[in-house]
Amino acid sequence: MAEYELVREIQNLCRNNQMRDVFFDEVETEDPVEYVRQFLKGKAVEITADTREDGTVTIFAVCQGLTQKFIFTPI
């Protein structure tokens, strides 16, 4: 099981507010995309993923018009 530092960013849709909600966690998973699917389980989600050479996986999940960004960095 691979171990990652997870950074989750949620864009704020309110006008004149540029702040984002940012959450940090450490997770163990073999498949970051499946982890996000399970995290957002029960919702209609559009997911795109990008894996870099260093093993970092960036996932964008659009759920009910709200974009969330999940960054999985190997520990």
C-alpha atoms as a PDB file:
ATOM      1  CA  MET A   1       0.000   0.000   0.000  1.00  0.00           C
ATOM      2  CA  ALA A   2       1.479   3.360  -1.030  1.00  0.00           C
ATOM      3  CA  GLU A   3       1.482   6.274   1.413  1.00  0.00           C
ATOM      4  CA  TYR A   4       0.697   9.817   0.271  1.00  0.00           C
ATOM      5  CA  GLU A   5       0.377  13.308   1.630  1.00  0.00           C
ATOM      6  CA  LEU A   6      -3.011  14.506   0.373  1.00  0.00           C
ATOM      7  CA  VAL A   7      -3.834  18.155  -0.232  1.00  0.00           C
ATOM      8  CA  ARG A   8      -7.503  18.803  -1.044  1.00  0.00           C
ATOM      9  CA  GLU A   9      -8.518  22.225  -2.360  1.00  0.00           C
ATOM     10  CA  ILE A  10     -12.120  23.337  -2.804  1.00  0.00           C
ATOM     11  CA  GLN A  11     -12.712  26.453  -4.866  1.00  0.00           C
ATOM     12  CA  ASN A  12     -14.923  29.113  -3.326  1.00  0.00           C
ATOM     13  CA  LEU A  13     -17.763  30.061  -5.659  1.00  0.00           C
ATOM     14  CA  CYS A  14     -18.731  33.237  -3.780  1.00  0.00           C
ATOM     15  CA  ARG A  15     -18.115  36.488  -5.644  1.00  0.00           C
ATOM     16  CA  ASN A  16     -15.210  38.675  -4.519  1.00  0.00           C
ATOM     17  CA  ASN A  17     -13.781  35.832  -2.434  1.00  0.00           C
ATOM     18  CA  GLN A  18     -10.550  34.380  -3.788  1.00  0.00           C
ATOM     19  CA  MET A  19      -9.918  32.109  -0.778  1.00  0.00           C
ATOM     20  CA  ARG A  20     -10.042  28.325  -1.033  1.00  0.00           C
ATOM     21  CA  ASP A  21     -10.717  25.683   1.554  1.00  0.00           C
ATOM     22  CA  VAL A  22      -7.557  23.604   1.897  1.00  0.00           C
ATOM     23  CA  PHE A  23      -7.283  20.339   3.832  1.00  0.00           C
ATOM     24  CA  PHE A  24      -4.178  18.206   4.519  1.00  0.00           C
ATOM     25  CA  ASP A  25      -4.067  14.508   5.365  1.00  0.00           C
ATOM     26  CA  GLU A  26      -1.881  11.411   5.087  1.00  0.00           C
ATOM     27  CA  VAL A  27      -3.513   8.456   3.331  1.00  0.00           C
ATOM     28  CA  GLU A  28      -2.607   4.927   2.253  1.00  0.00           C
ATOM     29  CA  THR A  29      -3.987   3.754  -1.083  1.00  0.00           C
ATOM     30  CA  GLU A  30      -2.939   1.767  -4.126  1.00  0.00           C
ATOM     31  CA  ASP A  31      -5.099   3.855  -6.464  1.00  0.00           C
ATOM     32  CA  PRO A  32      -5.571   7.611  -5.822  1.00  0.00           C
ATOM     33  CA  VAL A  33      -8.359   7.854  -8.434  1.00  0.00           C
ATOM     34  CA  GLU A  34     -10.328   5.083  -6.719  1.00  0.00           C
ATOM     35  CA  TYR A  35      -9.682   6.791  -3.358  1.00  0.00           C
ATOM     36  CA  VAL A  36     -11.329   9.978  -4.699  1.00  0.00           C
ATOM     37  CA  ARG A  37     -14.233   7.985  -6.171  1.00  0.00           C
ATOM     38  CA  GLN A  38     -14.852   6.381  -2.776  1.00  0.00           C
ATOM     39  CA  PHE A  39     -14.419   9.731  -0.993  1.00  0.00           C
ATOM     40  CA  LEU A  40     -17.135  11.285  -3.194  1.00  0.00           C
ATOM     41  CA  LYS A  41     -19.218   8.098  -3.309  1.00  0.00           C
ATOM     42  CA  GLY A  42     -22.882   8.475  -4.143  1.00  0.00           C
ATOM     43  CA  LYS A  43     -22.437  11.685  -6.134  1.00  0.00           C
ATOM     44  CA  ALA A  44     -22.231  12.282  -9.877  1.00  0.00           C
ATOM     45  CA  VAL A  45     -18.538  13.064 -10.380  1.00  0.00           C
ATOM     46  CA  GLU A  46     -16.401  13.875 -13.423  1.00  0.00           C
ATOM     47  CA  ILE A  47     -12.766  12.974 -12.707  1.00  0.00           C
ATOM     48  CA  THR A  48      -9.565  13.804 -14.582  1.00  0.00           C
ATOM     49  CA  ALA A  49      -6.136  12.694 -13.383  1.00  0.00           C
ATOM     50  CA  ASP A  50      -2.529  13.551 -14.183  1.00  0.00           C
ATOM     51  CA  THR A  51       0.487  11.577 -12.946  1.00  0.00           C
ATOM     52  CA  ARG A  52       3.925  13.200 -12.930  1.00  0.00           C
ATOM     53  CA  GLU A  53       7.303  11.477 -13.215  1.00  0.00           C
ATOM     54  CA  ASP A  54       7.975  11.934  -9.491  1.00  0.00           C
ATOM     55  CA  GLY A  55       4.821   9.940  -8.636  1.00  0.00           C
ATOM     56  CA  THR A  56       2.642  12.920  -7.723  1.00  0.00           C
ATOM     57  CA  VAL A  57      -0.969  12.434  -8.822  1.00  0.00           C
ATOM     58  CA  THR A  58      -3.218  15.455  -9.344  1.00  0.00           C
ATOM     59  CA  ILE A  59      -6.932  14.757  -9.622  1.00  0.00           C
ATOM     60  CA  PHE A  60      -9.654  17.242 -10.521  1.00  0.00           C
ATOM     61  CA  ALA A  61     -13.165  16.191  -9.498  1.00  0.00           C
ATOM     62  CA  VAL A  62     -16.206  18.177 -10.626  1.00  0.00           C
ATOM     63  CA  CYS A  63     -19.150  17.373  -8.415  1.00  0.00           C
ATOM     64  CA  GLN A  64     -22.440  19.304  -8.532  1.00  0.00           C
ATOM     65  CA  GLY A  65     -20.724  22.225 -10.295  1.00  0.00           C
ATOM     66  CA  LEU A  66     -17.984  22.478  -7.665  1.00  0.00           C
ATOM     67  CA  THR A  67     -14.369  21.700  -8.607  1.00  0.00           C
ATOM     68  CA  GLN A  68     -12.155  19.982  -6.074  1.00  0.00           C
ATOM     69  CA  LYS A  69      -8.438  19.407  -6.563  1.00  0.00           C
ATOM     70  CA  PHE A  70      -6.734  16.443  -4.890  1.00  0.00           C
ATOM     71  CA  ILE A  71      -2.919  16.331  -4.907  1.00  0.00           C
ATOM     72  CA  PHE A  72      -1.366  13.013  -3.840  1.00  0.00           C
ATOM     73  CA  THR A  73       2.373  13.331  -3.137  1.00  0.00           C
ATOM     74  CA  PRO A  74       4.291  10.125  -2.301  1.00  0.00           C
ATOM     75  CA  ILE A  75       5.841  10.076   1.176  1.00  0.00           C
END
